[in-house]
Amino acid sequence: MLYRIFKKDEIHYIHKERKYFMKQNEFKKQLVPMNPDNQVNYKLTLNLKELKEIANLIKELERILELD
């Protein structure tokens, strides 16, 4: 199993491009509308290479929860 964790504050709107992006360090991907007429719900499509092994999930969750 694979996963990737994103925080809400990593979603940015770039006005010049008029698009939403998910930025996480060097990682930057565009969020696209779920449906062409829907400007409320967005989706993020990821490749398998961009995901992490599930074995590291507990360590990453502990690291994230310590920061908050």
PDB file of N, CA and C in Angstrom:
ATOM      1  N   MET A   1       0.839  -1.180   0.000  1.00  0.00           N
ATOM      2  CA  MET A   1       0.000   0.000   0.000  1.00  0.00           C
ATOM      3  C   MET A   1       0.882   1.241   0.000  1.00  0.00           C
ATOM      4  N   LEU A   2       0.375   2.289  -0.624  1.00  0.00           N
ATOM      5  CA  LEU A   2       1.114   3.542  -0.735  1.00  0.00           C
ATOM      6  C   LEU A   2       0.252   4.698  -0.225  1.00  0.00           C
ATOM      7  N   TYR A   3       0.896   5.797   0.152  1.00  0.00           N
ATOM      8  CA  TYR A   3       0.168   6.953   0.680  1.00  0.00           C
ATOM      9  C   TYR A   3       0.965   8.234   0.436  1.00  0.00           C
ATOM     10  N   ARG A   4       0.334   9.367   0.675  1.00  0.00           N
ATOM     11  CA  ARG A   4       0.987  10.679   0.696  1.00  0.00           C
ATOM     12  C   ARG A   4       0.112  11.580   1.555  1.00  0.00           C
ATOM     13  N   ILE A   5       0.702  12.284   2.509  1.00  0.00           N
ATOM     14  CA  ILE A   5      -0.043  13.163   3.416  1.00  0.00           C
ATOM     15  C   ILE A   5       0.163  14.613   2.988  1.00  0.00           C
ATOM     16  N   PHE A   6      -0.935  15.349   2.902  1.00  0.00           N
ATOM     17  CA  PHE A   6      -0.885  16.774   2.594  1.00  0.00           C
ATOM     18  C   PHE A   6      -1.619  17.534   3.682  1.00  0.00           C
ATOM     19  N   LYS A   7      -1.083  18.679   4.048  1.00  0.00           N
ATOM     20  CA  LYS A   7      -1.757  19.558   4.999  1.00  0.00           C
ATOM     21  C   LYS A   7      -2.597  20.571   4.227  1.00  0.00           C
ATOM     22  N   LYS A   8      -3.615  21.056   4.868  1.00  0.00           N
ATOM     23  CA  LYS A   8      -4.518  22.018   4.242  1.00  0.00           C
ATOM     24  C   LYS A   8      -3.781  23.288   3.805  1.00  0.00           C
ATOM     25  N   ASP A   9      -2.796  23.715   4.585  1.00  0.00           N
ATOM     26  CA  ASP A   9      -2.074  24.948   4.255  1.00  0.00           C
ATOM     27  C   ASP A   9      -1.069  24.773   3.118  1.00  0.00           C
ATOM     28  N   GLU A  10      -0.989  23.591   2.535  1.00  0.00           N
ATOM     29  CA  GLU A  10      -0.108  23.359   1.389  1.00  0.00           C
ATOM     30  C   GLU A  10      -0.841  23.549   0.060  1.00  0.00           C
ATOM     31  N   ILE A  11      -2.113  23.942   0.129  1.00  0.00           N
ATOM     32  CA  ILE A  11      -2.890  24.247  -1.076  1.00  0.00           C
ATOM     33  C   ILE A  11      -2.790  25.750  -1.311  1.00  0.00           C
ATOM     34  N   HIS A  12      -2.342  26.126  -2.513  1.00  0.00           N
ATOM     35  CA  HIS A  12      -2.135  27.534  -2.840  1.00  0.00           C
ATOM     36  C   HIS A  12      -2.841  27.881  -4.148  1.00  0.00           C
ATOM     37  N   TYR A  13      -3.417  29.082  -4.168  1.00  0.00           N
ATOM     38  CA  TYR A  13      -4.030  29.588  -5.393  1.00  0.00           C
ATOM     39  C   TYR A  13      -3.046  30.549  -6.037  1.00  0.00           C
ATOM     40  N   ILE A  14      -2.677  30.279  -7.287  1.00  0.00           N
ATOM     41  CA  ILE A  14      -1.767  31.150  -8.035  1.00  0.00           C
ATOM     42  C   ILE A  14      -2.632  31.999  -8.959  1.00  0.00           C
ATOM     43  N   HIS A  15      -2.751  33.276  -8.627  1.00  0.00           N
ATOM     44  CA  HIS A  15      -3.683  34.142  -9.346  1.00  0.00           C
ATOM     45  C   HIS A  15      -3.295  34.320 -10.813  1.00  0.00           C
ATOM     46  N   LYS A  16      -2.013  34.479 -11.103  1.00  0.00           N
ATOM     47  CA  LYS A  16      -1.580  34.673 -12.496  1.00  0.00           C
ATOM     48  C   LYS A  16      -1.978  33.492 -13.376  1.00  0.00           C
ATOM     49  N   GLU A  17      -1.907  32.308 -12.830  1.00  0.00           N
ATOM     50  CA  GLU A  17      -2.268  31.105 -13.591  1.00  0.00           C
ATOM     51  C   GLU A  17      -3.739  30.747 -13.415  1.00  0.00           C
ATOM     52  N   ARG A  18      -4.386  31.364 -12.417  1.00  0.00           N
ATOM     53  CA  ARG A  18      -5.790  31.093 -12.080  1.00  0.00           C
ATOM     54  C   ARG A  18      -6.022  29.607 -11.815  1.00  0.00           C
ATOM     55  N   LYS A  19      -5.118  29.032 -11.039  1.00  0.00           N
ATOM     56  CA  LYS A  19      -5.198  27.606 -10.731  1.00  0.00           C
ATOM     57  C   LYS A  19      -4.787  27.359  -9.289  1.00  0.00           C
ATOM     58  N   TYR A  20      -5.274  26.246  -8.745  1.00  0.00           N
ATOM     59  CA  TYR A  20      -4.869  25.794  -7.418  1.00  0.00           C
ATOM     60  C   TYR A  20      -3.745  24.779  -7.563  1.00  0.00           C
ATOM     61  N   PHE A  21      -2.776  24.863  -6.642  1.00  0.00           N
ATOM     62  CA  PHE A  21      -1.658  23.926  -6.650  1.00  0.00           C
ATOM     63  C   PHE A  21      -1.426  23.378  -5.252  1.00  0.00           C
ATOM     64  N   MET A  22      -0.963  22.149  -5.207  1.00  0.00           N
ATOM     65  CA  MET A  22      -0.531  21.508  -3.969  1.00  0.00           C
ATOM     66  C   MET A  22       0.987  21.614  -3.966  1.00  0.00           C
ATOM     67  N   LYS A  23       1.542  22.346  -2.993  1.00  0.00           N
ATOM     68  CA  LYS A  23       2.991  22.522  -2.906  1.00  0.00           C
ATOM     69  C   LYS A  23       3.488  21.903  -1.614  1.00  0.00           C
ATOM     70  N   GLN A  24       4.490  21.028  -1.757  1.00  0.00           N
ATOM     71  CA  GLN A  24       5.097  20.374  -0.602  1.00  0.00           C
ATOM     72  C   GLN A  24       6.581  20.232  -0.910  1.00  0.00           C
ATOM     73  N   ASN A  25       7.393  21.141  -0.376  1.00  0.00           N
ATOM     74  CA  ASN A  25       8.829  21.201  -0.675  1.00  0.00           C
ATOM     75  C   ASN A  25       9.024  21.316  -2.187  1.00  0.00           C
ATOM     76  N   GLU A  26       9.702  20.365  -2.818  1.00  0.00           N
ATOM     77  CA  GLU A  26       9.940  20.416  -4.263  1.00  0.00           C
ATOM     78  C   GLU A  26       8.741  19.907  -5.065  1.00  0.00           C
ATOM     79  N   PHE A  27       7.777  19.317  -4.394  1.00  0.00           N
ATOM     80  CA  PHE A  27       6.604  18.722  -5.026  1.00  0.00           C
ATOM     81  C   PHE A  27       5.572  19.806  -5.331  1.00  0.00           C
ATOM     82  N   LYS A  28       5.130  19.891  -6.587  1.00  0.00           N
ATOM     83  CA  LYS A  28       4.097  20.854  -6.970  1.00  0.00           C
ATOM     84  C   LYS A  28       3.201  20.198  -8.022  1.00  0.00           C
ATOM     85  N   LYS A  29       1.916  20.085  -7.707  1.00  0.00           N
ATOM     86  CA  LYS A  29       0.945  19.486  -8.622  1.00  0.00           C
ATOM     87  C   LYS A  29      -0.304  20.353  -8.659  1.00  0.00           C
ATOM     88  N   GLN A  30      -0.937  20.402  -9.818  1.00  0.00           N
ATOM     89  CA  GLN A  30      -2.155  21.187  -9.978  1.00  0.00           C
ATOM     90  C   GLN A  30      -3.377  20.402  -9.510  1.00  0.00           C
ATOM     91  N   LEU A  31      -4.258  21.095  -8.815  1.00  0.00           N
ATOM     92  CA  LEU A  31      -5.569  20.548  -8.461  1.00  0.00           C
ATOM     93  C   LEU A  31      -6.534  20.913  -9.588  1.00  0.00           C
ATOM     94  N   VAL A  32      -7.331  19.956 -10.016  1.00  0.00           N
ATOM     95  CA  VAL A  32      -8.264  20.197 -11.118  1.00  0.00           C
ATOM     96  C   VAL A  32      -9.692  19.955 -10.634  1.00  0.00           C
ATOM     97  N   PRO A  33     -10.680  20.651 -11.226  1.00  0.00           N
ATOM     98  CA  PRO A  33     -12.076  20.442 -10.822  1.00  0.00           C
ATOM     99  C   PRO A  33     -12.521  19.004 -11.074  1.00  0.00           C
ATOM    100  N   MET A  34     -13.330  18.474 -10.173  1.00  0.00           N
ATOM    101  CA  MET A  34     -13.855  17.112 -10.324  1.00  0.00           C
ATOM    102  C   MET A  34     -14.726  17.014 -11.580  1.00  0.00           C
ATOM    103  N   ASN A  35     -15.517  18.036 -11.815  1.00  0.00           N
ATOM    104  CA  ASN A  35     -16.376  18.113 -13.001  1.00  0.00           C
ATOM    105  C   ASN A  35     -16.116  19.468 -13.651  1.00  0.00           C
ATOM    106  N   PRO A  36     -16.233  19.571 -14.956  1.00  0.00           N
ATOM    107  CA  PRO A  36     -15.949  20.853 -15.627  1.00  0.00           C
ATOM    108  C   PRO A  36     -16.757  22.033 -15.094  1.00  0.00           C
ATOM    109  N   ASP A  37     -17.993  21.808 -14.695  1.00  0.00           N
ATOM    110  CA  ASP A  37     -18.837  22.903 -14.210  1.00  0.00           C
ATOM    111  C   ASP A  37     -18.751  23.103 -12.704  1.00  0.00           C
ATOM    112  N   ASN A  38     -17.987  22.270 -12.021  1.00  0.00           N
ATOM    113  CA  ASN A  38     -17.919  22.308 -10.562  1.00  0.00           C
ATOM    114  C   ASN A  38     -16.662  23.045 -10.109  1.00  0.00           C
ATOM    115  N   GLN A  39     -16.824  24.195  -9.500  1.00  0.00           N
ATOM    116  CA  GLN A  39     -15.681  24.977  -9.015  1.00  0.00           C
ATOM    117  C   GLN A  39     -15.502  24.842  -7.504  1.00  0.00           C
ATOM    118  N   VAL A  40     -16.095  23.814  -6.910  1.00  0.00           N
ATOM    119  CA  VAL A  40     -16.012  23.612  -5.466  1.00  0.00           C
ATOM    120  C   VAL A  40     -15.131  22.422  -5.115  1.00  0.00           C
ATOM    121  N   ASN A  41     -15.339  21.312  -5.781  1.00  0.00           N
ATOM    122  CA  ASN A  41     -14.594  20.088  -5.479  1.00  0.00           C
ATOM    123  C   ASN A  41     -13.439  19.905  -6.455  1.00  0.00           C
ATOM    124  N   TYR A  42     -12.248  19.728  -5.898  1.00  0.00           N
ATOM    125  CA  TYR A  42     -11.056  19.544  -6.716  1.00  0.00           C
ATOM    126  C   TYR A  42     -10.431  18.191  -6.434  1.00  0.00           C
ATOM    127  N   LYS A  43      -9.669  17.679  -7.391  1.00  0.00           N
ATOM    128  CA  LYS A  43      -8.980  16.405  -7.206  1.00  0.00           C
ATOM    129  C   LYS A  43      -7.502  16.570  -7.536  1.00  0.00           C
ATOM    130  N   LEU A  44      -6.717  15.685  -6.988  1.00  0.00           N
ATOM    131  CA  LEU A  44      -5.275  15.662  -7.209  1.00  0.00           C
ATOM    132  C   LEU A  44      -4.921  14.282  -7.731  1.00  0.00           C
ATOM    133  N   THR A  45      -4.299  14.223  -8.893  1.00  0.00           N
ATOM    134  CA  THR A  45      -3.899  12.947  -9.483  1.00  0.00           C
ATOM    135  C   THR A  45      -2.405  12.757  -9.263  1.00  0.00           C
ATOM    136  N   LEU A  46      -2.045  11.614  -8.683  1.00  0.00           N
ATOM    137  CA  LEU A  46      -0.645  11.327  -8.379  1.00  0.00           C
ATOM    138  C   LEU A  46      -0.181  10.064  -9.098  1.00  0.00           C
ATOM    139  N   ASN A  47       1.115  10.018  -9.389  1.00  0.00           N
ATOM    140  CA  ASN A  47       1.737   8.816  -9.939  1.00  0.00           C
ATOM    141  C   ASN A  47       2.200   7.938  -8.791  1.00  0.00           C
ATOM    142  N   LEU A  48       2.395   6.665  -9.052  1.00  0.00           N
ATOM    143  CA  LEU A  48       2.886   5.753  -8.017  1.00  0.00           C
ATOM    144  C   LEU A  48       4.254   6.185  -7.499  1.00  0.00           C
ATOM    145  N   LYS A  49       5.078   6.774  -8.355  1.00  0.00           N
ATOM    146  CA  LYS A  49       6.418   7.222  -7.952  1.00  0.00           C
ATOM    147  C   LYS A  49       6.349   8.342  -6.911  1.00  0.00           C
ATOM    148  N   GLU A  50       5.247   9.079  -6.878  1.00  0.00           N
ATOM    149  CA  GLU A  50       5.090  10.209  -5.966  1.00  0.00           C
ATOM    150  C   GLU A  50       4.535   9.800  -4.604  1.00  0.00           C
ATOM    151  N   LEU A  51       4.230   8.528  -4.437  1.00  0.00           N
ATOM    152  CA  LEU A  51       3.681   8.031  -3.180  1.00  0.00           C
ATOM    153  C   LEU A  51       4.759   7.356  -2.349  1.00  0.00           C
ATOM    154  N   LYS A  52       4.485   7.194  -1.049  1.00  0.00           N
ATOM    155  CA  LYS A  52       5.445   6.605  -0.114  1.00  0.00           C
ATOM    156  C   LYS A  52       4.937   5.253   0.368  1.00  0.00           C
ATOM    157  N   GLU A  53       5.854   4.424   0.834  1.00  0.00           N
ATOM    158  CA  GLU A  53       5.497   3.099   1.352  1.00  0.00           C
ATOM    159  C   GLU A  53       4.723   3.233   2.664  1.00  0.00           C
ATOM    160  N   ILE A  54       3.725   2.408   2.842  1.00  0.00           N
ATOM    161  CA  ILE A  54       2.864   2.453   4.032  1.00  0.00           C
ATOM    162  C   ILE A  54       3.643   2.125   5.303  1.00  0.00           C
ATOM    163  N   ALA A  55       4.768   1.433   5.185  1.00  0.00           N
ATOM    164  CA  ALA A  55       5.569   1.070   6.355  1.00  0.00           C
ATOM    165  C   ALA A  55       6.066   2.311   7.104  1.00  0.00           C
ATOM    166  N   ASN A  56       6.189   3.440   6.422  1.00  0.00           N
ATOM    167  CA  ASN A  56       6.678   4.681   7.033  1.00  0.00           C
ATOM    168  C   ASN A  56       5.558   5.558   7.590  1.00  0.00           C
ATOM    169  N   LEU A  57       4.316   5.136   7.455  1.00  0.00           N
ATOM    170  CA  LEU A  57       3.175   5.979   7.834  1.00  0.00           C
ATOM    171  C   LEU A  57       3.163   6.338   9.315  1.00  0.00           C
ATOM    172  N   ILE A  58       3.388   5.384  10.189  1.00  0.00           N
ATOM    173  CA  ILE A  58       3.335   5.652  11.634  1.00  0.00           C
ATOM    174  C   ILE A  58       4.398   6.665  12.029  1.00  0.00           C
ATOM    175  N   LYS A  59       5.616   6.511  11.515  1.00  0.00           N
ATOM    176  CA  LYS A  59       6.693   7.455  11.836  1.00  0.00           C
ATOM    177  C   LYS A  59       6.359   8.856  11.343  1.00  0.00           C
ATOM    178  N   GLU A  60       5.802   8.961  10.142  1.00  0.00           N
ATOM    179  CA  GLU A  60       5.464  10.275   9.601  1.00  0.00           C
ATOM    180  C   GLU A  60       4.314  10.918  10.377  1.00  0.00           C
ATOM    181  N   LEU A  61       3.319  10.146  10.763  1.00  0.00           N
ATOM    182  CA  LEU A  61       2.221  10.686  11.571  1.00  0.00           C
ATOM    183  C   LEU A  61       2.722  11.179  12.924  1.00  0.00           C
ATOM    184  N   GLU A  62       3.609  10.434  13.558  1.00  0.00           N
ATOM    185  CA  GLU A  62       4.183  10.869  14.837  1.00  0.00           C
ATOM    186  C   GLU A  62       4.956  12.169  14.664  1.00  0.00           C
ATOM    187  N   ARG A  63       5.702  12.290  13.572  1.00  0.00           N
ATOM    188  CA  ARG A  63       6.474  13.508  13.309  1.00  0.00           C
ATOM    189  C   ARG A  63       5.539  14.697  13.094  1.00  0.00           C
ATOM    190  N   ILE A  64       4.474  14.509  12.334  1.00  0.00           N
ATOM    191  CA  ILE A  64       3.524  15.589  12.053  1.00  0.00           C
ATOM    192  C   ILE A  64       2.795  16.016  13.321  1.00  0.00           C
ATOM    193  N   LEU A  65       2.355  15.071  14.115  1.00  0.00           N
ATOM    194  CA  LEU A  65       1.599  15.391  15.327  1.00  0.00           C
ATOM    195  C   LEU A  65       2.456  16.082  16.377  1.00  0.00           C
ATOM    196  N   GLU A  66       3.747  15.824  16.405  1.00  0.00           N
ATOM    197  CA  GLU A  66       4.638  16.519  17.340  1.00  0.00           C
ATOM    198  C   GLU A  66       4.779  17.987  16.983  1.00  0.00           C
ATOM    199  N   LEU A  67       4.708  18.331  15.688  1.00  0.00           N
ATOM    200  CA  LEU A  67       4.875  19.713  15.244  1.00  0.00           C
ATOM    201  C   LEU A  67       3.664  20.568  15.578  1.00  0.00           C
ATOM    202  N   ASP A  68       2.486  19.970  15.637  1.00  0.00           N
ATOM    203  CA  ASP A  68       1.261  20.749  15.877  1.00  0.00           C
ATOM    204  C   ASP A  68       0.997  20.995  17.327  1.00  0.00           C
TER     205      ASP A  68
END
